[in-house]
Amino acid sequence: MSDIEIAQKASMKPIIELAKTKFNIPPEHLDPYGHYKAKLSLEYVDSLSHQNKEGKLILVTAISPTPAGEGKTTTTVGLGDALNRIGKQTIICLREPSLGPCFGLKGGAAGGGYAQVVPMEDINLHFTGDFHAIGVAHNLLAAMIDNHIHHGNALTIDSRRIKWKRVLDMNDRALRKITVGQGGVGNGFLREDGFDIVVASEVMAILCLATNRADLKERLGRIIIGYKTDKITPVYASDLKAHGAMAAVLKDAIKPNIVQTLENNIAIVHGGPFANIAHGCNSVTATKTALKLADYAVTEAGFGADLGAEKFLNIKCRSSKLKPSAVVLVATVRALKYHGGVEIDHLNQENLEALEAGFSNIKRHIINITKNYNLPVVVSINHFTYDTDDETELLKKKCEKLGVKCVISRHWAEGGAGAEELAHEIVDIVDNREAGFDYLYEDKLPIWKKIETIATKIYGAKEIVASAKVHDEIEKLQKEYGKLPVCMAKTQMSFSTDPHLKGAPSGHIIEISDVKLENGAGFIVAIAGNMMTMPGLPKVPTAERIDIDDSGVITGLF
């Protein structure tokens, strides 16, 4: 059966009952969205912060993505179910899917096979409306900027230096560059503008890093929308008196969403920034809530470990003081052969030579995690029926030479039962070893050096370069915001800025094409190469195959 067919046949339990049974969460602290989805009240979340209990945090990441797929979310779900199967009280924490990839190329983000969170269609589509609220809050600020200029511009905002675009949760390349205010003075001031995708919005990042409503509102107020006509003085969202209304729009979106796996284990699915253009992690509130409720919390970070894990460790953990106990690095035999030069149509054929060559990709990720962050790692090979014994044995031996365990996991086909070996390996590490955990760089390191450190130590680059304009912007930011961490915006397909460079390229040059301050989120975005913050649809988008019948059954989602 397809993923959606498996999900539609799931035996779900009412979420209020399940939350009460599993973690004794009082029903009055759950706002139900139908029978199988609910939001957890912030009052209950706050009450947990006073408890001494603190579970162990397990991060799931992956090799550099390929068209063959890796299965990071699937592994997160499978591992969570497996830990519960072996008697370890566990909650998984995932990001919410964006409609952009759901209708585009990548598909949804609810797992796959028999390792899924449900209700799958709801989670992959509108869910509880969080992304809608984030888009409205973001665009409310955009509207208030243009309205302020139209009514006299008392703040003397320089319309040529407005940094705040509009957003849409859809891949729509035609909206990257637009002109607003056309049609005469009654329609506002004519100026260039553009759209980003919702998951790249600073409001999304703020929601995921905020710890409560007061922190949310304060961060929203700190957003810098542009500069005054003196070209120096920043204009904040609070100057426009927009942050209160924005926080009001987000009053429910800030509450974590609770759903369940196919095996009726609790999952918290909240927030959804992309890891290639944003910080790529679910909300701090969700992760901390899971750690207070359960003995183990399993969470994912988007795309490869060079992006999602790097930002999880250097941005999210730094901001929230979270400390992971172990890392699971997900790969597939097929994806590693792709990194070894095999075309996608031939990945199901045994090819030990290509597998050996493609191992360079996973090797660099392993070294990055163990050496740069001082964290223990277990490699999880997401099993496909085409994988041969010789191929899996080769991977086990090569991982063993690096001092890490390689486990073949079959959770896609067998659910939690197929990931029990992985679960036992993780438990052995987190219960018997204290993870050291180092940040990649110190706060006091200059911005340019932070970018350089990520590029050279994580990406294997020789150096970074930038135009005089970008250098000037970094120097300006350094004076007041030099202690902030850096969020790299880079293609997820390669360690380089060239998505076609597979394996583990070294000695390449990373061009920093732009930098921008996300003051409310608390980091500086460095855009590497020609990375787009509004993706486009592929030639044949997934939307073409999604349908619904007369009885309301959806097909084509994956």
Protein backbone atom coordinates (compact mmCIF):
# COMPACT_ATOMS: atom_id res chain seq x y z
CA MET A 1 0.00 0.00 0.00
CA SER A 2 1.01 3.61 -0.48
CA ASP A 3 1.83 5.78 2.52
CA ILE A 4 -1.55 7.49 2.42
CA GLU A 5 -3.40 4.16 2.16
CA ILE A 6 -1.54 2.85 5.21
CA ALA A 7 -2.35 6.03 7.11
CA GLN A 8 -6.03 5.91 6.16
CA LYS A 9 -6.33 2.38 7.55
CA ALA A 10 -4.73 3.37 10.88
CA SER A 11 -6.56 2.58 14.09
CA MET A 12 -6.33 6.00 15.76
CA LYS A 13 -7.33 6.68 19.34
CA PRO A 14 -9.07 9.89 20.46
CA ILE A 15 -6.22 12.27 21.24
CA ILE A 16 -7.71 13.54 24.53
CA GLU A 17 -7.97 9.97 25.82
CA LEU A 18 -4.51 9.04 24.55
CA ALA A 19 -2.82 12.06 26.16
CA LYS A 20 -4.51 11.27 29.47
CA THR A 21 -3.57 7.57 29.31
CA LYS A 22 0.05 8.04 28.20
CA PHE A 23 1.11 11.12 30.18
CA ASN A 24 -1.79 12.01 32.46
CA ILE A 25 -2.35 15.31 30.66
CA PRO A 26 -5.60 16.81 32.01
CA PRO A 27 -8.29 17.12 29.29
CA GLU A 28 -8.94 20.75 30.23
CA HIS A 29 -5.43 21.61 29.02
CA LEU A 30 -6.05 20.24 25.52
CA ASP A 31 -7.87 22.19 22.82
CA PRO A 32 -9.17 19.53 20.39
CA TYR A 33 -9.17 20.08 16.63
CA GLY A 34 -11.52 17.24 15.82
CA HIS A 35 -10.97 13.83 17.43
CA TYR A 36 -7.31 13.20 16.64
CA LYS A 37 -5.50 16.54 16.89
CA ALA A 38 -5.17 18.89 19.84
CA LYS A 39 -3.22 21.89 21.07
CA LEU A 40 -1.60 21.87 24.49
CA SER A 41 -2.25 24.92 26.67
CA LEU A 42 0.70 27.16 27.50
CA GLU A 43 -0.42 27.16 31.14
CA TYR A 44 0.18 23.41 31.27
CA VAL A 45 3.49 23.77 29.43
CA ASP A 46 4.55 26.40 31.98
CA SER A 47 3.58 24.13 34.88
CA LEU A 48 5.96 21.47 33.57
CA SER A 49 8.92 23.87 33.70
CA HIS A 50 8.82 23.74 37.50
CA GLN A 51 9.41 19.98 37.55
CA ASN A 52 12.87 18.56 38.11
CA LYS A 53 12.39 15.78 35.56
CA GLU A 54 14.45 16.14 32.40
CA GLY A 55 14.45 13.47 29.69
CA LYS A 56 17.26 12.61 27.29
CA LEU A 57 17.30 14.37 23.92
CA ILE A 58 18.07 12.39 20.75
CA LEU A 59 18.64 14.23 17.47
CA VAL A 60 17.89 12.56 14.12
CA THR A 61 19.67 13.98 11.08
CA ALA A 62 20.81 12.64 7.71
CA ILE A 63 23.35 12.57 4.92
CA SER A 64 23.13 15.16 2.14
CA PRO A 65 19.69 14.70 0.49
CA THR A 66 19.28 12.99 -2.86
CA PRO A 67 16.33 12.39 -5.21
CA ALA A 68 16.42 8.80 -3.93
CA GLY A 69 15.27 9.95 -0.48
CA GLU A 70 16.74 9.14 2.93
CA GLY A 71 13.85 8.84 5.39
CA LYS A 72 14.82 11.10 8.28
CA THR A 73 11.27 11.73 9.49
CA THR A 74 10.39 8.08 8.94
CA THR A 75 13.35 7.09 11.10
CA THR A 76 12.39 9.58 13.81
CA VAL A 77 8.92 8.05 13.99
CA GLY A 78 10.22 4.48 13.81
CA LEU A 79 12.79 5.08 16.53
CA GLY A 80 10.18 6.70 18.78
CA ASP A 81 7.85 3.74 18.35
CA ALA A 82 10.73 1.32 18.92
CA LEU A 83 11.80 3.02 22.15
CA ASN A 84 8.23 2.79 23.42
CA ARG A 85 8.14 -0.89 22.41
CA ILE A 86 11.18 -1.68 24.55
CA GLY A 87 9.64 0.06 27.55
CA LYS A 88 11.17 3.53 27.27
CA GLN A 89 8.65 6.34 27.68
CA THR A 90 9.25 8.43 24.55
CA ILE A 91 7.74 11.37 22.67
CA ILE A 92 8.78 12.37 19.15
CA CYS A 93 8.96 16.01 18.05
CA LEU A 94 8.59 16.89 14.38
CA ARG A 95 8.14 19.99 12.23
CA GLU A 96 4.89 20.76 10.46
CA PRO A 97 4.96 20.24 6.67
CA SER A 98 4.84 23.17 4.28
CA LEU A 99 2.34 23.12 1.43
CA GLY A 100 5.15 24.16 -0.92
CA PRO A 101 6.91 20.77 -1.04
CA CYS A 102 3.62 18.89 -0.49
CA PHE A 103 2.40 20.18 -3.85
CA GLY A 104 5.86 20.46 -5.36
CA LEU A 105 8.54 17.79 -5.45
CA LYS A 106 9.55 16.59 -1.99
CA GLY A 107 6.13 15.52 -0.74
CA GLY A 108 4.83 15.68 2.82
CA ALA A 109 6.63 15.31 6.13
CA ALA A 110 4.60 12.85 8.18
CA GLY A 111 6.92 9.85 7.77
CA GLY A 112 6.28 6.88 5.53
CA GLY A 113 5.28 3.24 5.37
CA TYR A 114 4.49 1.91 8.84
CA ALA A 115 6.40 4.71 10.56
CA GLN A 116 4.04 7.67 10.22
CA VAL A 117 2.25 10.27 12.27
CA VAL A 118 -1.49 10.53 11.73
CA PRO A 119 -3.93 11.89 10.62
CA MET A 120 -1.51 12.12 7.70
CA GLU A 121 -3.68 14.17 5.31
CA ASP A 122 -4.49 16.78 7.96
CA ILE A 123 -0.87 17.14 9.08
CA ASN A 124 0.34 17.55 5.48
CA LEU A 125 -2.36 20.04 4.52
CA HIS A 126 -3.77 22.75 6.81
CA PHE A 127 -3.31 20.89 10.14
CA THR A 128 -4.32 23.31 12.94
CA GLY A 129 -3.80 26.47 10.91
CA ASP A 130 -0.42 27.46 12.36
CA PHE A 131 1.15 28.30 8.99
CA HIS A 132 -1.88 30.36 8.03
CA ALA A 133 -1.53 32.35 11.26
CA ILE A 134 2.20 32.87 10.69
CA GLY A 135 1.52 34.09 7.14
CA VAL A 136 -1.18 36.48 8.36
CA ALA A 137 1.04 37.88 11.13
CA HIS A 138 3.90 38.39 8.68
CA ASN A 139 1.72 40.02 6.01
CA LEU A 140 -0.03 42.20 8.60
CA LEU A 141 3.34 43.80 9.30
CA ALA A 142 3.96 44.20 5.56
CA ALA A 143 0.57 45.92 5.16
CA MET A 144 1.24 48.23 8.10
CA ILE A 145 4.58 49.29 6.59
CA ASP A 146 3.00 50.39 3.31
CA ASN A 147 0.05 51.94 5.13
CA HIS A 148 2.38 54.00 7.32
CA ILE A 149 4.22 55.34 4.25
CA HIS A 150 0.91 56.09 2.50
CA HIS A 151 -0.34 58.16 5.44
CA GLY A 152 2.64 60.50 5.63
CA ASN A 153 5.57 58.32 6.72
CA ALA A 154 6.11 59.90 10.14
CA LEU A 155 8.92 57.43 10.79
CA THR A 156 10.71 58.55 7.59
CA ILE A 157 11.07 54.96 6.37
CA ASP A 158 13.27 54.74 3.27
CA SER A 159 11.06 52.82 0.83
CA ARG A 160 14.20 51.70 -1.05
CA ARG A 161 15.58 50.05 2.09
CA ILE A 162 12.56 48.06 3.27
CA LYS A 163 13.73 44.53 4.14
CA TRP A 164 10.34 43.03 4.96
CA LYS A 165 8.81 41.07 2.06
CA ARG A 166 5.46 39.31 1.95
CA VAL A 167 5.02 35.53 2.33
CA LEU A 168 2.95 32.68 0.91
CA ASP A 169 3.02 28.98 1.85
CA MET A 170 3.41 27.84 -1.71
CA ASN A 171 6.19 27.40 -4.25
CA ASP A 172 5.55 30.32 -6.63
CA ARG A 173 8.62 31.63 -8.47
CA ALA A 174 6.56 34.34 -10.23
CA LEU A 175 6.25 36.20 -6.93
CA ARG A 176 9.96 36.45 -6.12
CA LYS A 177 10.10 40.00 -7.49
CA ILE A 178 6.99 42.18 -7.74
CA THR A 179 5.97 45.83 -7.77
CA VAL A 180 3.41 47.08 -5.26
CA GLY A 181 1.44 50.31 -5.16
CA GLN A 182 0.57 50.40 -8.86
CA GLY A 183 -2.57 52.16 -10.01
CA GLY A 184 -2.12 55.63 -8.55
CA VAL A 185 -1.58 57.33 -5.20
CA GLY A 186 -4.75 55.81 -3.76
CA ASN A 187 -3.06 52.41 -3.82
CA GLY A 188 0.03 53.41 -1.87
CA PHE A 189 3.61 54.22 -2.72
CA LEU A 190 5.07 52.53 -5.81
CA ARG A 191 8.03 50.32 -4.88
CA GLU A 192 9.69 46.98 -5.56
CA ASP A 193 8.75 44.10 -3.29
CA GLY A 194 8.67 40.30 -3.35
CA PHE A 195 7.47 37.12 -1.67
CA ASP A 196 9.26 34.48 0.41
CA ILE A 197 7.74 31.13 1.36
CA VAL A 198 6.14 31.11 4.83
CA VAL A 199 8.70 28.67 6.23
CA ALA A 200 11.45 31.24 5.49
CA SER A 201 9.62 33.95 7.43
CA GLU A 202 11.32 35.43 10.47
CA VAL A 203 7.94 35.09 12.19
CA MET A 204 8.24 31.31 11.75
CA ALA A 205 11.71 31.35 13.29
CA ILE A 206 10.49 33.53 16.15
CA LEU A 207 7.54 31.23 16.87
CA CYS A 208 9.90 28.25 17.02
CA LEU A 209 12.42 29.94 19.32
CA ALA A 210 10.02 31.84 21.61
CA THR A 211 9.51 30.37 25.09
CA ASN A 212 6.19 32.03 25.98
CA ARG A 213 3.77 34.72 24.79
CA ALA A 214 5.75 37.55 26.38
CA ASP A 215 8.94 36.37 24.68
CA LEU A 216 7.04 35.99 21.41
CA LYS A 217 5.71 39.55 21.52
CA GLU A 218 9.09 40.99 22.53
CA ARG A 219 10.83 39.18 19.66
CA LEU A 220 8.18 40.32 17.18
CA GLY A 221 8.73 43.89 18.31
CA ARG A 222 12.48 43.54 17.67
CA ILE A 223 11.98 42.73 13.97
CA ILE A 224 13.83 45.25 11.83
CA ILE A 225 11.69 46.02 8.77
CA GLY A 226 14.09 48.43 7.13
CA TYR A 227 15.89 51.72 7.70
CA LYS A 228 15.11 55.41 7.84
CA THR A 229 16.12 57.88 5.17
CA ASP A 230 19.38 58.53 7.04
CA LYS A 231 20.29 54.95 5.92
CA ILE A 232 21.53 54.16 9.43
CA THR A 233 18.63 54.12 11.89
CA PRO A 234 16.68 50.82 11.91
CA VAL A 235 12.88 50.77 12.00
CA TYR A 236 11.38 48.12 14.25
CA ALA A 237 7.99 46.41 14.14
CA SER A 238 7.39 47.98 17.56
CA ASP A 239 7.86 51.44 15.99
CA LEU A 240 4.84 50.65 13.81
CA LYS A 241 2.97 49.30 16.87
CA ALA A 242 2.43 46.04 14.94
CA HIS A 243 3.85 43.47 17.37
CA GLY A 244 0.84 43.34 19.68
CA ALA A 245 -1.57 42.50 16.86
CA MET A 246 0.90 40.04 15.38
CA ALA A 247 1.17 38.23 18.72
CA ALA A 248 -2.62 38.20 18.98
CA VAL A 249 -2.88 36.51 15.56
CA LEU A 250 -0.41 33.89 16.83
CA LYS A 251 -2.19 33.26 20.15
CA ASP A 252 -3.07 29.66 19.23
CA ALA A 253 -0.23 28.98 16.81
CA ILE A 254 2.28 29.19 19.68
CA LYS A 255 0.61 26.23 21.41
CA PRO A 256 2.22 22.83 20.58
CA ASN A 257 0.18 20.37 18.49
CA ILE A 258 -0.29 16.81 19.72
CA VAL A 259 -1.03 13.89 17.39
CA GLN A 260 -0.09 10.19 17.37
CA THR A 261 1.95 7.63 15.48
CA LEU A 262 0.46 4.58 13.76
CA GLU A 263 1.33 2.69 16.96
CA ASN A 264 -0.62 5.19 19.09
CA ASN A 265 2.37 6.92 20.64
CA ILE A 266 2.31 10.66 21.27
CA ALA A 267 3.97 12.99 18.77
CA ILE A 268 4.33 16.76 19.09
CA VAL A 269 4.33 18.41 15.66
CA HIS A 270 4.96 22.14 15.90
CA GLY A 271 6.66 24.77 13.74
CA GLY A 272 8.27 24.18 10.39
CA PRO A 273 11.19 26.33 9.20
CA PHE A 274 13.16 24.93 6.25
CA ALA A 275 16.76 24.00 7.04
CA ASN A 276 18.20 25.21 3.73
CA ILE A 277 16.86 28.78 4.08
CA ALA A 278 15.96 28.98 7.79
CA HIS A 279 17.03 27.22 11.01
CA GLY A 280 15.17 23.98 10.27
CA CYS A 281 14.00 22.83 13.72
CA ASN A 282 10.66 22.37 15.44
CA SER A 283 9.72 24.67 18.29
CA VAL A 284 11.73 24.96 21.50
CA THR A 285 8.44 24.75 23.38
CA ALA A 286 7.63 21.38 21.80
CA THR A 287 11.06 19.91 22.52
CA LYS A 288 11.18 21.13 26.11
CA THR A 289 7.63 19.89 26.74
CA ALA A 290 8.56 16.42 25.48
CA LEU A 291 11.64 16.37 27.73
CA LYS A 292 9.51 17.19 30.77
CA LEU A 293 6.84 14.61 29.98
CA ALA A 294 8.91 11.66 28.74
CA ASP A 295 12.18 9.91 29.55
CA TYR A 296 13.33 10.29 25.93
CA ALA A 297 12.54 12.91 23.30
CA VAL A 298 13.41 12.14 19.68
CA THR A 299 13.50 15.12 17.35
CA GLU A 300 14.65 15.81 13.79
CA ALA A 301 16.54 18.62 12.11
CA GLY A 302 15.92 19.33 8.45
CA PHE A 303 17.89 18.11 5.43
CA GLY A 304 21.51 16.96 5.90
CA ALA A 305 23.58 17.28 9.07
CA ASP A 306 25.55 20.13 7.49
CA LEU A 307 22.36 22.24 7.53
CA GLY A 308 19.66 21.08 9.96
CA ALA A 309 21.93 19.56 12.61
CA GLU A 310 24.40 22.45 12.40
CA LYS A 311 21.61 24.94 13.03
CA PHE A 312 19.96 22.78 15.68
CA LEU A 313 23.22 22.64 17.60
CA ASN A 314 24.51 26.17 17.03
CA ILE A 315 21.24 28.14 17.02
CA LYS A 316 18.43 26.23 18.74
CA CYS A 317 20.55 24.62 21.47
CA ARG A 318 22.49 27.85 22.07
CA SER A 319 19.26 29.84 22.41
CA SER A 320 17.42 27.33 24.60
CA LYS A 321 20.29 25.63 26.50
CA LEU A 322 19.17 22.25 25.16
CA LYS A 323 21.80 19.51 25.13
CA PRO A 324 21.45 16.39 22.97
CA SER A 325 22.68 13.08 24.33
CA ALA A 326 23.13 11.30 20.99
CA VAL A 327 22.70 11.74 17.25
CA VAL A 328 21.18 9.32 14.73
CA LEU A 329 22.56 9.79 11.21
CA VAL A 330 20.16 8.44 8.57
CA ALA A 331 21.27 7.12 5.19
CA THR A 332 20.16 4.63 2.57
CA VAL A 333 22.22 2.34 0.38
CA ARG A 334 20.53 3.86 -2.66
CA ALA A 335 21.35 7.45 -1.66
CA LEU A 336 24.98 6.62 -0.98
CA LYS A 337 25.28 4.98 -4.40
CA TYR A 338 23.83 8.18 -5.88
CA HIS A 339 26.57 10.14 -4.11
CA GLY A 340 28.96 7.62 -5.64
CA GLY A 341 27.91 8.58 -9.15
CA VAL A 342 25.11 6.12 -10.00
CA GLU A 343 22.18 7.52 -11.97
CA ILE A 344 18.82 7.34 -10.23
CA ASP A 345 17.44 4.72 -12.66
CA HIS A 346 20.18 2.25 -11.65
CA LEU A 347 20.16 2.64 -7.87
CA ASN A 348 18.37 -0.68 -7.28
CA GLN A 349 21.32 -2.62 -8.73
CA GLU A 350 24.16 -3.75 -6.49
CA ASN A 351 27.22 -1.55 -6.95
CA LEU A 352 29.86 -1.88 -4.25
CA GLU A 353 32.30 0.42 -6.02
CA ALA A 354 29.79 3.28 -6.15
CA LEU A 355 28.78 2.59 -2.54
CA GLU A 356 32.42 2.85 -1.51
CA ALA A 357 32.76 6.17 -3.35
CA GLY A 358 29.49 7.54 -1.95
CA PHE A 359 30.55 6.65 1.59
CA SER A 360 32.65 9.83 1.52
CA ASN A 361 29.44 11.80 2.13
CA ILE A 362 28.37 9.97 5.25
CA LYS A 363 31.96 9.86 6.49
CA ARG A 364 32.20 13.65 6.51
CA HIS A 365 28.88 13.94 8.38
CA ILE A 366 30.10 11.41 10.96
CA ILE A 367 33.37 13.28 11.49
CA ASN A 368 31.53 16.61 11.71
CA ILE A 369 29.25 15.33 14.46
CA THR A 370 31.83 13.44 16.49
CA LYS A 371 34.80 15.79 16.14
CA ASN A 372 33.25 19.26 15.84
CA TYR A 373 30.41 18.76 18.31
CA ASN A 374 31.82 16.00 20.50
CA LEU A 375 28.60 13.99 20.24
CA PRO A 376 28.13 10.21 19.91
CA VAL A 377 26.49 9.07 16.68
CA VAL A 378 24.74 5.92 15.46
CA VAL A 379 24.27 5.38 11.73
CA SER A 380 20.82 4.12 10.77
CA ILE A 381 20.51 2.61 7.31
CA ASN A 382 16.89 2.99 6.24
CA HIS A 383 16.42 -0.41 4.59
CA PHE A 384 15.09 -0.95 1.07
CA THR A 385 14.19 -4.37 -0.32
CA TYR A 386 16.76 -3.86 -3.11
CA ASP A 387 19.66 -3.61 -0.65
CA THR A 388 21.99 -6.61 -0.82
CA ASP A 389 23.77 -8.26 2.10
CA ASP A 390 27.15 -7.38 0.59
CA GLU A 391 26.18 -3.71 0.43
CA THR A 392 24.96 -3.49 4.03
CA GLU A 393 27.98 -5.43 5.30
CA LEU A 394 30.29 -3.02 3.51
CA LEU A 395 28.63 -0.06 5.23
CA LYS A 396 28.82 -1.72 8.65
CA LYS A 397 32.55 -2.41 8.25
CA LYS A 398 33.34 1.10 7.04
CA CYS A 399 31.38 2.68 9.91
CA GLU A 400 33.10 0.38 12.38
CA LYS A 401 36.51 1.65 11.17
CA LEU A 402 35.33 5.16 12.07
CA GLY A 403 34.33 3.96 15.54
CA VAL A 404 30.55 4.21 15.07
CA LYS A 405 27.82 1.60 15.04
CA CYS A 406 25.82 1.04 11.85
CA VAL A 407 22.33 -0.44 12.25
CA ILE A 408 20.04 -1.68 9.49
CA SER A 409 16.53 -0.44 10.33
CA ARG A 410 13.31 -1.77 8.81
CA HIS A 411 10.78 0.56 10.39
CA TRP A 412 9.29 1.57 7.01
CA ALA A 413 8.07 -2.01 6.48
CA GLU A 414 7.76 -3.20 10.10
CA GLY A 415 7.05 -0.09 12.17
CA GLY A 416 8.64 0.16 15.60
CA ALA A 417 9.57 -3.53 15.60
CA GLY A 418 11.92 -2.87 12.70
CA ALA A 419 13.88 -0.24 14.64
CA GLU A 420 14.34 -2.03 17.96
CA GLU A 421 18.05 -2.70 17.36
CA LEU A 422 18.52 1.04 16.73
CA ALA A 423 16.55 1.81 19.90
CA HIS A 424 18.77 -0.48 22.00
CA GLU A 425 21.92 1.12 20.59
CA ILE A 426 20.65 4.59 21.41
CA VAL A 427 19.61 3.62 24.93
CA ASP A 428 23.03 2.10 25.53
CA ILE A 429 24.66 5.39 24.56
CA VAL A 430 22.40 7.89 26.32
CA ASP A 431 22.07 5.88 29.54
CA ASN A 432 25.72 4.96 29.90
CA ARG A 433 27.63 7.88 28.39
CA GLU A 434 27.56 11.57 29.15
CA ALA A 435 27.71 13.48 25.87
CA GLY A 436 30.24 16.29 25.87
CA PHE A 437 28.64 18.59 23.28
CA ASP A 438 30.62 21.58 22.04
CA TYR A 439 29.36 24.44 19.91
CA LEU A 440 31.13 24.87 16.59
CA TYR A 441 32.09 28.46 17.42
CA GLU A 442 31.99 30.89 20.32
CA ASP A 443 29.62 33.86 20.53
CA LYS A 444 32.53 36.32 20.55
CA LEU A 445 33.89 35.12 17.20
CA PRO A 446 33.35 37.82 14.50
CA ILE A 447 30.49 37.23 12.04
CA TRP A 448 32.82 36.71 9.08
CA LYS A 449 34.82 34.15 11.07
CA LYS A 450 31.62 32.32 12.10
CA ILE A 451 30.61 31.98 8.45
CA GLU A 452 34.13 30.89 7.56
CA THR A 453 34.17 28.31 10.36
CA ILE A 454 30.94 26.72 9.14
CA ALA A 455 32.14 26.69 5.53
CA THR A 456 35.59 25.25 6.21
CA LYS A 457 34.93 22.91 9.12
CA ILE A 458 31.49 21.60 8.09
CA TYR A 459 31.35 22.05 4.30
CA GLY A 460 35.02 21.28 3.62
CA ALA A 461 35.46 24.55 1.73
CA LYS A 462 38.82 26.17 1.11
CA GLU A 463 37.58 29.69 1.79
CA ILE A 464 34.63 32.06 1.64
CA VAL A 465 34.39 35.14 -0.57
CA ALA A 466 31.96 38.04 -0.83
CA SER A 467 31.51 41.31 -2.67
CA ALA A 468 32.55 44.63 -1.18
CA LYS A 469 28.85 45.38 -0.55
CA VAL A 470 28.40 42.19 1.51
CA HIS A 471 31.63 42.89 3.42
CA ASP A 472 30.36 46.38 4.26
CA GLU A 473 27.05 44.98 5.49
CA ILE A 474 28.82 42.44 7.70
CA GLU A 475 31.01 45.19 9.19
CA LYS A 476 27.90 47.24 10.02
CA LEU A 477 26.21 44.24 11.66
CA GLN A 478 29.37 43.34 13.58
CA LYS A 479 29.26 46.50 15.69
CA GLU A 480 25.94 45.77 17.40
CA TYR A 481 25.02 42.19 16.50
CA GLY A 482 28.40 40.47 16.35
CA LYS A 483 27.57 37.97 19.11
CA LEU A 484 24.59 36.48 17.25
CA PRO A 485 24.88 33.01 15.66
CA VAL A 486 24.81 32.56 11.89
CA CYS A 487 22.06 30.80 9.94
CA MET A 488 23.44 29.65 6.58
CA ALA A 489 21.09 29.58 3.58
CA LYS A 490 22.60 27.05 1.18
CA THR A 491 21.55 24.28 -1.18
CA GLN A 492 20.80 21.09 0.71
CA MET A 493 21.99 18.86 -2.13
CA SER A 494 25.74 19.29 -1.62
CA PHE A 495 28.41 20.37 0.84
CA SER A 496 29.16 23.05 -1.77
CA THR A 497 26.89 25.69 -3.30
CA ASP A 498 26.66 23.58 -6.47
CA PRO A 499 23.77 21.10 -6.06
CA HIS A 500 25.36 18.81 -8.67
CA LEU A 501 28.55 18.21 -6.67
CA LYS A 502 27.91 14.89 -4.92
CA GLY A 503 29.88 12.99 -2.31
CA ALA A 504 32.15 15.12 -0.15
CA PRO A 505 33.71 17.89 -2.27
CA SER A 506 36.68 19.66 -0.71
CA GLY A 507 38.67 22.76 -1.48
CA HIS A 508 35.73 24.58 -3.04
CA ILE A 509 34.94 28.25 -2.56
CA ILE A 510 31.72 29.41 -0.91
CA GLU A 511 30.45 32.75 -2.13
CA ILE A 512 28.35 34.70 0.36
CA SER A 513 25.94 36.61 -1.86
CA ASP A 514 24.00 38.40 0.86
CA VAL A 515 23.54 38.73 4.62
CA LYS A 516 20.51 39.87 6.54
CA LEU A 517 19.73 40.41 10.19
CA GLU A 518 16.79 38.58 11.76
CA ASN A 519 16.85 40.50 15.00
CA GLY A 520 13.67 39.03 16.46
CA ALA A 521 14.79 35.47 15.82
CA GLY A 522 18.25 36.31 17.12
CA PHE A 523 20.51 35.28 14.25
CA ILE A 524 22.15 36.55 11.08
CA VAL A 525 21.27 34.84 7.80
CA ALA A 526 24.16 34.36 5.37
CA ILE A 527 23.02 33.42 1.88
CA ALA A 528 25.51 31.18 0.09
CA GLY A 529 25.44 31.17 -3.70
CA ASN A 530 22.12 31.82 -5.45
CA MET A 531 19.88 30.24 -2.80
CA MET A 532 16.21 31.25 -3.26
CA THR A 533 13.91 32.02 -0.33
CA MET A 534 10.88 31.41 -2.57
CA PRO A 535 11.17 28.00 -4.30
CA GLY A 536 9.55 27.15 -7.63
CA LEU A 537 7.45 24.17 -8.68
CA PRO A 538 9.05 21.37 -10.75
CA LYS A 539 8.01 20.59 -14.31
CA VAL A 540 5.63 17.91 -13.04
CA PRO A 541 4.48 19.00 -9.56
CA THR A 542 3.04 16.51 -7.09
CA ALA A 543 -0.14 18.60 -7.11
CA GLU A 544 -1.02 17.03 -10.48
CA ARG A 545 -1.60 13.64 -8.88
CA ILE A 546 -3.38 14.74 -5.69
CA ASP A 547 -7.14 14.24 -5.81
CA ILE A 548 -10.22 13.74 -3.64
CA ASP A 549 -13.26 11.54 -4.32
CA ASP A 550 -16.95 12.20 -3.62
CA SER A 551 -16.71 10.66 -0.15
CA GLY A 552 -13.82 12.93 0.85
CA VAL A 553 -10.97 10.40 0.54
CA ILE A 554 -7.72 12.08 -0.55
CA THR A 555 -5.25 10.30 -2.82
CA GLY A 556 -1.80 11.16 -4.16
CA LEU A 557 -0.26 12.65 -1.00
CA PHE A 558 3.02 11.09 0.09
